[in-house]
C-alpha cells in the first residue's frame, strides 16, 4: 500500500469506533493521548547518552521503585510523560504504574472519566546502556460503576480486574523504528511512526501469531530453578531432530519483553518467564496488571495463547497492584503443550546414562 494511502492511528480509531455508534469517543481520545506519550518517550530514548533535557538514557535515577529495582532516569521521565499527557483530558478516573507505589489520583481541577490506565512506562530499561530495543506497555480498564458515578478517588481494589476485562491494550517499541501495536478487541494492528509527519501510520493490519513454531525464548541461566514441566519442554526442544519433537528449535533471549513479544507477533515463537524456585517469595518475575495482562491480551487477539503455564493468563484475578506472576505466551500449540506438561503427573527423571544400571562401570 502506498504510504499516502495508509491510515493514520487517528483514522484507524475512527473506523473502529464506527462499529459502536453509541460510543462517546473517550476511548479514542485516551488512546491518542497514550500514543503522544509514546512519541515523546521515543524521542527521549533516541537521544541516548546525548541526554535530551540533560538526562542521559543510562543514567541511574538513584531511587528504588516498589519492585525493589533501581530506577533509570528515563524510567522517571517516561512515567512523568504518561501522567502529564493523560491526566488532563477527562477520560481517566485514575492511573497505576510500575514506577508508582500507589494509584495515581487525577487532580481535582481536571474532570474525571470512566477509564483506568495501567502502564509500564519503559519496559527493558536495564538494556538502555547497551542500545537494545525497549518499549512501553499499557492496559485500559473500565473504572467500577461507583467510581464513575461518585467521582471518588480510586483505590487499589478498583484496578484488580482479570485481564479478560481489558477494553484495550498495547505497547510501543523503540527500536530501529518506533512502532505502536494496539488491540481494541477486534484483532491486532501495528503502526509505524512516520518521522516526516510525526504520525503513526498503519503498516501491519490484522497481525496473526502462527499456531506452530520452532523458536523459543527463555533465560537458561535459571534452569536449575525451573519446575519439571518447563525443564522437560526445554530439554525436548534442545534434543532437536533426534528427540521426541522430531525437529530443530532455535533459542532467543533479548531480556526486553516488548521486543520478545514483537518478535513473536511478527514470526511466531514461544516466550517463557515461568514460576520457579529461585525466590519462593515471588511467584514469578513479571507484573500481572501492566505487563502480563496487556501482552497476553495482544497475543490472544492475534490468535496466540497466554498462560501462567497452568491456566489462561487473562482469567487470573489479581490480588495486588504490583502482583508478580509466571508468564508463557506465543504460538498456541506450543503454549498448550507446556500447559499439558504442567497438568500431567510428574515422572521420575531418568538417571544420566553414565550412572545407569548398565553403564561403563557396571556389568
Protein backbone atom coordinates (compact mmCIF):
# COMPACT_ATOMS: atom_id res chain seq x y z
CA UNK A 1 0.00 0.00 0.00
CA UNK A 2 1.42 3.45 -0.90
CA UNK A 3 2.45 5.50 2.13
CA UNK A 4 -0.07 8.22 1.26
CA UNK A 5 -2.90 5.65 1.40
CA UNK A 6 -2.01 4.18 4.76
CA UNK A 7 -4.47 5.19 7.51
CA UNK A 8 -3.10 7.10 10.48
CA UNK A 9 -3.76 5.87 14.01
CA UNK A 10 -6.48 8.54 14.31
CA UNK A 11 -8.22 7.31 11.14
CA UNK A 12 -7.96 3.70 12.27
CA UNK A 13 -9.56 4.52 15.62
CA UNK A 14 -12.40 6.41 13.93
CA UNK A 15 -13.08 3.34 11.77
CA UNK A 16 -13.08 1.10 14.84
CA UNK A 17 -15.45 3.45 16.65
CA UNK A 18 -17.96 3.18 13.79
CA UNK A 19 -18.60 -0.40 14.92
CA UNK A 20 -20.14 1.09 18.07
CA UNK A 21 -22.42 4.01 17.13
CA UNK A 22 -23.17 4.63 20.81
CA UNK A 23 -19.50 5.16 21.69
CA UNK A 24 -18.62 8.59 23.05
CA UNK A 25 -15.11 8.81 21.62
CA UNK A 26 -13.45 8.92 25.05
CA UNK A 27 -11.53 5.69 24.46
CA UNK A 28 -10.19 7.01 21.14
CA UNK A 29 -9.08 10.22 22.81
CA UNK A 30 -7.35 8.31 25.59
CA UNK A 31 -5.51 6.05 23.12
CA UNK A 32 -4.32 9.08 21.19
CA UNK A 33 -3.04 10.60 24.45
CA UNK A 34 -1.13 7.38 25.12
CA UNK A 35 0.33 7.46 21.60
CA UNK A 36 1.52 11.04 22.16
CA UNK A 37 3.26 9.98 25.38
CA UNK A 38 4.93 7.15 23.46
CA UNK A 39 6.16 9.57 20.77
CA UNK A 40 7.69 11.76 23.48
CA UNK A 41 9.37 8.75 25.12
CA UNK A 42 10.67 7.55 21.74
CA UNK A 43 12.33 10.92 21.24
CA UNK A 44 13.85 10.89 24.72
CA UNK A 45 15.18 7.34 24.20
CA UNK A 46 16.61 8.26 20.78
CA UNK A 47 18.93 10.86 22.31
CA UNK A 48 20.74 8.11 24.23
CA UNK A 49 23.82 9.37 26.06
CA UNK A 50 23.40 12.77 24.42
CA UNK A 51 20.72 13.17 27.04
CA UNK A 52 17.69 15.18 25.98
CA UNK A 53 16.94 17.82 28.64
CA UNK A 54 20.23 16.86 30.32
CA UNK A 55 19.11 13.28 31.11
CA UNK A 56 21.46 10.62 29.67
CA UNK A 57 19.48 7.47 28.83
CA UNK A 58 21.51 5.11 31.00
CA UNK A 59 21.88 7.43 33.99
CA UNK A 60 20.59 5.92 37.22
CA UNK A 61 17.87 7.91 38.92
CA UNK A 62 19.09 6.73 42.33
CA UNK A 63 15.63 5.87 43.69
CA UNK A 64 14.34 2.32 44.16
CA UNK A 65 10.81 1.64 42.93
CA UNK A 66 8.17 -0.53 44.58
CA UNK A 67 9.62 -3.56 42.76
CA UNK A 68 12.93 -3.10 44.56
CA UNK A 69 14.60 -2.10 41.29
CA UNK A 70 16.91 0.89 40.89
CA UNK A 71 15.23 3.36 38.55
CA UNK A 72 16.93 4.74 35.49
CA UNK A 73 16.46 8.47 34.99
CA UNK A 74 14.45 7.65 31.86
CA UNK A 75 12.10 5.44 33.90
CA UNK A 76 11.13 8.53 35.89
CA UNK A 77 10.95 10.78 32.81
CA UNK A 78 8.82 8.23 30.91
CA UNK A 79 6.45 7.84 33.84
CA UNK A 80 6.01 11.62 34.01
CA UNK A 81 5.29 11.75 30.27
CA UNK A 82 2.49 9.20 30.60
CA UNK A 83 0.95 11.00 33.57
CA UNK A 84 1.22 14.53 32.18
CA UNK A 85 -0.18 13.52 28.79
CA UNK A 86 -3.15 11.51 30.06
CA UNK A 87 -4.31 13.15 33.30
CA UNK A 88 -5.91 16.35 31.97
CA UNK A 89 -8.35 15.18 29.29
CA UNK A 90 -11.25 13.99 31.44
CA UNK A 91 -11.10 10.40 30.18
CA UNK A 92 -9.48 8.83 33.24
CA UNK A 93 -10.63 8.01 36.76
CA UNK A 94 -7.09 7.05 37.79
CA UNK A 95 -3.77 5.50 36.80
CA UNK A 96 -1.29 2.94 38.08
CA UNK A 97 2.30 2.39 37.04
CA UNK A 98 5.30 0.20 37.74
CA UNK A 99 7.10 3.33 38.91
CA UNK A 100 4.44 4.47 41.44
CA UNK A 101 3.77 2.68 44.71
CA UNK A 102 0.07 3.61 44.86
CA UNK A 103 -2.69 4.51 42.38
CA UNK A 104 -2.36 7.96 40.88
CA UNK A 105 -5.28 10.28 41.56
CA UNK A 106 -6.48 12.61 38.81
CA UNK A 107 -6.08 16.16 40.19
CA UNK A 108 -9.36 17.71 41.32
CA UNK A 109 -9.01 20.63 38.92
CA UNK A 110 -9.29 18.18 35.98
CA UNK A 111 -12.50 16.35 35.02
CA UNK A 112 -12.59 12.62 35.69
CA UNK A 113 -13.66 9.93 33.25
CA UNK A 114 -14.65 6.27 33.14
CA UNK A 115 -11.36 4.53 32.36
CA UNK A 116 -8.32 3.32 34.30
CA UNK A 117 -4.87 3.35 32.70
CA UNK A 118 -2.13 1.00 33.90
CA UNK A 119 1.31 1.01 32.34
CA UNK A 120 4.98 0.11 32.41
CA UNK A 121 6.42 3.37 31.08
CA UNK A 122 9.78 1.95 29.95
CA UNK A 123 9.97 -1.83 29.79
CA UNK A 124 13.50 -3.20 29.41
CA UNK A 125 15.18 -0.03 30.67
CA UNK A 126 18.06 -2.10 32.10
CA UNK A 127 19.10 -2.59 28.46
CA UNK A 128 19.27 1.13 27.67
CA UNK A 129 23.03 1.33 28.14
CA UNK A 130 23.65 -1.40 25.52
CA UNK A 131 21.23 0.09 22.96
CA UNK A 132 18.77 -2.83 22.90
CA UNK A 133 15.16 -2.16 21.91
CA UNK A 134 12.94 -1.06 24.80
CA UNK A 135 9.28 -0.12 24.94
CA UNK A 136 6.19 0.98 26.83
CA UNK A 137 3.27 -1.31 27.75
CA UNK A 138 -0.24 -0.15 28.62
CA UNK A 139 -3.66 -1.52 29.51
CA UNK A 140 -7.04 0.23 29.70
CA UNK A 141 -9.80 -0.94 32.05
CA UNK A 142 -13.25 0.41 32.85
CA UNK A 143 -13.47 2.01 36.26
CA UNK A 144 -16.04 0.45 38.63
CA UNK A 145 -19.51 1.99 38.35
CA UNK A 146 -19.39 3.67 41.76
CA UNK A 147 -16.12 5.43 40.82
CA UNK A 148 -17.73 6.80 37.67
CA UNK A 149 -20.93 7.85 39.44
CA UNK A 150 -19.39 9.38 42.56
CA UNK A 151 -16.10 10.66 41.18
CA UNK A 152 -14.35 9.34 44.30
CA UNK A 153 -10.61 8.76 44.43
CA UNK A 154 -9.54 5.38 43.11
CA UNK A 155 -8.15 2.69 45.40
CA UNK A 156 -6.03 -0.37 44.67
CA UNK A 157 -9.06 -2.69 44.56
CA UNK A 158 -10.51 -0.78 41.59
CA UNK A 159 -7.62 -1.98 39.42
CA UNK A 160 -7.77 -5.65 40.45
CA UNK A 161 -9.65 -6.87 37.38
CA UNK A 162 -8.88 -10.02 35.33
CA UNK A 163 -7.15 -9.43 32.02
CA UNK A 164 -10.24 -10.55 30.12
CA UNK A 165 -11.96 -7.31 31.18
CA UNK A 166 -9.43 -5.08 29.41
CA UNK A 167 -11.01 -2.61 26.99
CA UNK A 168 -7.79 -2.08 25.05
CA UNK A 169 -4.10 -2.84 25.40
CA UNK A 170 -0.90 -2.30 23.51
CA UNK A 171 2.73 -1.40 23.51
CA UNK A 172 5.19 0.93 21.83
CA UNK A 173 8.52 -0.42 20.62
CA UNK A 174 11.51 1.92 20.46
CA UNK A 175 13.87 0.16 18.08
CA UNK A 176 15.30 0.92 14.63
CA UNK A 177 11.82 2.32 14.01
CA UNK A 178 9.19 3.29 16.56
CA UNK A 179 6.05 1.15 16.43
CA UNK A 180 2.71 1.29 18.23
CA UNK A 181 0.90 -2.05 18.45
CA UNK A 182 -2.71 -1.98 19.58
CA UNK A 183 -5.84 -4.03 20.15
CA UNK A 184 -9.27 -2.60 20.92
CA UNK A 185 -10.82 -6.07 21.00
CA UNK A 186 -11.00 -6.55 17.23
CA UNK A 187 -7.66 -8.14 16.37
CA UNK A 188 -4.23 -6.51 16.48
CA UNK A 189 -2.86 -3.72 14.33
CA UNK A 190 0.66 -2.32 14.13
CA UNK A 191 1.55 1.29 13.32
CA UNK A 192 4.94 2.70 12.37
CA UNK A 193 5.93 6.24 13.28
CA UNK A 194 6.47 8.29 10.13
CA UNK A 195 9.29 10.67 11.17
CA UNK A 196 8.39 13.11 8.38
CA UNK A 197 4.81 13.55 9.54
CA UNK A 198 5.15 12.71 13.23
CA UNK A 199 2.18 10.35 12.80
CA UNK A 200 1.71 6.64 13.43
CA UNK A 201 0.63 5.02 10.15
CA UNK A 202 -0.93 1.57 9.76
CA UNK A 203 1.72 -0.82 8.43
CA UNK A 204 0.72 -4.17 9.96
CA UNK A 205 -3.05 -4.73 9.79
CA UNK A 206 -4.51 -7.93 11.23
CA UNK A 207 -1.37 -9.36 12.84
CA UNK A 208 -1.61 -13.11 13.45
CA UNK A 209 0.68 -15.35 15.53
CA UNK A 210 1.37 -18.66 13.73
CA UNK A 211 -0.01 -21.62 15.67
CA UNK A 212 3.23 -23.60 15.32
CA UNK A 213 6.84 -22.57 15.76
CA UNK A 214 10.39 -23.85 16.06
CA UNK A 215 11.65 -20.97 18.21
CA UNK A 216 11.55 -20.42 21.96
CA UNK A 217 12.81 -17.78 24.38
CA UNK A 218 13.82 -18.39 27.98
CA UNK A 219 16.59 -17.36 30.37
CA UNK A 220 18.52 -20.62 30.63
CA UNK A 221 20.70 -19.29 33.46
CA UNK A 222 17.70 -20.04 35.69
CA UNK A 223 17.41 -23.67 34.54
CA UNK A 224 18.41 -25.05 37.96
CA UNK A 225 15.33 -23.34 39.42
CA UNK A 226 12.79 -24.48 36.80
CA UNK A 227 9.86 -26.71 37.61
CA UNK A 228 9.97 -30.17 35.95
CA UNK A 229 7.39 -29.39 33.20
CA UNK A 230 9.43 -26.41 31.99
CA UNK A 231 12.67 -28.37 32.12
CA UNK A 232 11.02 -31.19 30.18
CA UNK A 233 9.78 -28.81 27.48
CA UNK A 234 13.16 -27.09 27.02
CA UNK A 235 15.07 -30.39 27.04
CA UNK A 236 12.80 -31.74 24.31
CA UNK A 237 13.35 -28.61 22.21
CA UNK A 238 17.12 -28.83 22.66
CA UNK A 239 17.12 -32.51 21.65
CA UNK A 240 16.23 -31.40 18.12
CA UNK A 241 15.51 -33.80 15.26
CA UNK A 242 16.61 -36.87 17.17
CA UNK A 243 14.46 -36.03 20.20
CA UNK A 244 10.74 -36.51 20.88
CA UNK A 245 9.78 -33.34 18.97
CA UNK A 246 11.43 -34.54 15.77
CA UNK A 247 12.60 -31.08 14.69
CA UNK A 248 15.26 -28.50 15.49
CA UNK A 249 14.45 -25.43 17.59
CA UNK A 250 16.23 -22.09 17.82
CA UNK A 251 16.51 -20.25 21.13
CA UNK A 252 16.27 -16.48 21.54
CA UNK A 253 16.58 -14.25 24.62
CA UNK A 254 16.54 -10.44 24.50
CA UNK A 255 15.55 -9.70 28.12
CA UNK A 256 13.16 -6.97 26.92
CA UNK A 257 9.60 -8.27 26.97
CA UNK A 258 8.28 -5.77 24.42
CA UNK A 259 10.99 -6.85 21.98
CA UNK A 260 10.26 -10.53 22.70
CA UNK A 261 6.52 -10.04 22.19
CA UNK A 262 7.07 -8.11 18.97
CA UNK A 263 9.28 -10.83 17.50
CA UNK A 264 6.63 -13.43 18.30
CA UNK A 265 3.87 -11.32 16.76
CA UNK A 266 5.92 -10.92 13.60
CA UNK A 267 7.05 -14.53 13.08
CA UNK A 268 5.81 -16.80 15.87
CA UNK A 269 7.60 -18.37 18.81
CA UNK A 270 7.04 -19.01 22.49
CA UNK A 271 8.29 -16.86 25.40
CA UNK A 272 8.69 -18.29 28.89
CA UNK A 273 9.34 -16.47 32.14
CA UNK A 274 7.81 -19.19 34.31
CA UNK A 275 7.35 -19.50 38.01
CA UNK A 276 10.46 -21.07 39.55
CA UNK A 277 12.10 -21.73 42.91
CA UNK A 278 14.77 -19.01 42.73
CA UNK A 279 12.90 -16.78 45.18
CA UNK A 280 9.98 -18.62 46.84
CA UNK A 281 8.50 -15.28 47.96
CA UNK A 282 7.93 -14.28 44.32
CA UNK A 283 5.53 -16.48 42.31
CA UNK A 284 7.03 -15.15 39.08
CA UNK A 285 9.09 -12.27 37.79
CA UNK A 286 6.70 -10.27 35.59
CA UNK A 287 3.95 -7.96 36.80
CA UNK A 288 0.40 -9.14 36.15
CA UNK A 289 -1.51 -5.88 35.66
CA UNK A 290 0.80 -3.84 33.45
CA UNK A 291 3.00 -6.47 31.78
CA UNK A 292 1.44 -9.94 31.61
CA UNK A 293 -2.19 -8.89 31.08
CA UNK A 294 -1.69 -6.36 28.26
CA UNK A 295 0.83 -8.55 26.43
CA UNK A 296 -1.46 -11.55 26.97
CA UNK A 297 -4.43 -9.62 25.56
CA UNK A 298 -2.47 -8.61 22.46
CA UNK A 299 -1.18 -12.15 21.88
CA UNK A 300 -4.63 -13.73 22.24
CA UNK A 301 -6.23 -11.11 19.99
CA UNK A 302 -3.63 -12.17 17.40
CA UNK A 303 -4.61 -15.84 17.69
CA UNK A 304 -1.88 -16.91 20.11
CA UNK A 305 -2.19 -18.00 23.72
CA UNK A 306 -1.06 -16.51 27.03
CA UNK A 307 -0.84 -18.61 30.18
CA UNK A 308 0.66 -18.90 33.63
CA UNK A 309 1.76 -22.35 32.49
CA UNK A 310 -1.19 -23.79 34.36
CA UNK A 311 -4.16 -21.62 33.41
CA UNK A 312 -5.12 -18.87 30.95
CA UNK A 313 -3.44 -15.61 31.93
CA UNK A 314 -6.49 -13.46 31.20
CA UNK A 315 -8.58 -15.41 33.72
CA UNK A 316 -6.34 -14.69 36.73
CA UNK A 317 -7.97 -12.47 39.37
CA UNK A 318 -5.30 -10.03 40.60
CA UNK A 319 -4.68 -9.83 44.33
CA UNK A 320 -2.47 -6.72 44.46
CA UNK A 321 -1.45 -3.78 42.30
CA UNK A 322 2.14 -4.94 41.75
CA UNK A 323 1.49 -8.69 41.80
CA UNK A 324 4.09 -10.85 40.09
CA UNK A 325 3.28 -13.93 38.06
CA UNK A 326 4.80 -16.54 35.76
CA UNK A 327 4.11 -15.98 32.07
CA UNK A 328 4.19 -18.17 28.97
CA UNK A 329 2.90 -16.79 25.69
CA UNK A 330 3.15 -17.19 21.95
CA UNK A 331 2.24 -19.77 19.32
CA UNK A 332 -0.90 -21.52 20.53
CA UNK A 333 0.14 -25.15 20.04
CA UNK A 334 3.40 -24.72 21.96
CA UNK A 335 1.78 -22.91 24.89
CA UNK A 336 -0.92 -25.59 25.09
CA UNK A 337 1.80 -28.25 25.16
CA UNK A 338 3.51 -26.51 28.10
CA UNK A 339 0.16 -26.31 29.92
CA UNK A 340 -0.40 -30.01 29.26
CA UNK A 341 3.00 -30.86 30.74
CA UNK A 342 2.07 -28.95 33.91
CA UNK A 343 -1.11 -30.98 34.28
CA UNK A 344 0.38 -34.41 33.59
CA UNK A 345 1.55 -36.50 36.57
CA UNK A 346 5.18 -35.90 37.43
CA UNK A 347 7.52 -38.64 36.19
CA UNK A 348 10.80 -39.63 37.80
CA UNK A 349 13.71 -38.11 35.93
CA UNK A 350 15.83 -40.72 34.14
CA UNK A 351 19.36 -41.08 35.55
CA UNK A 352 22.28 -39.87 33.49
CA UNK A 353 23.42 -42.71 31.15
CA UNK A 354 26.90 -42.84 32.73
CA UNK A 355 25.39 -43.94 36.03
CA UNK A 356 22.56 -46.17 34.84
CA UNK A 357 22.50 -49.82 35.85
CA UNK A 358 24.14 -50.80 32.58
CA UNK A 359 26.98 -48.32 32.20
CA UNK A 360 30.67 -48.08 31.59
CA UNK A 361 31.26 -49.00 35.23
CA UNK A 362 28.85 -51.89 35.70
CA UNK A 363 28.24 -55.26 34.10
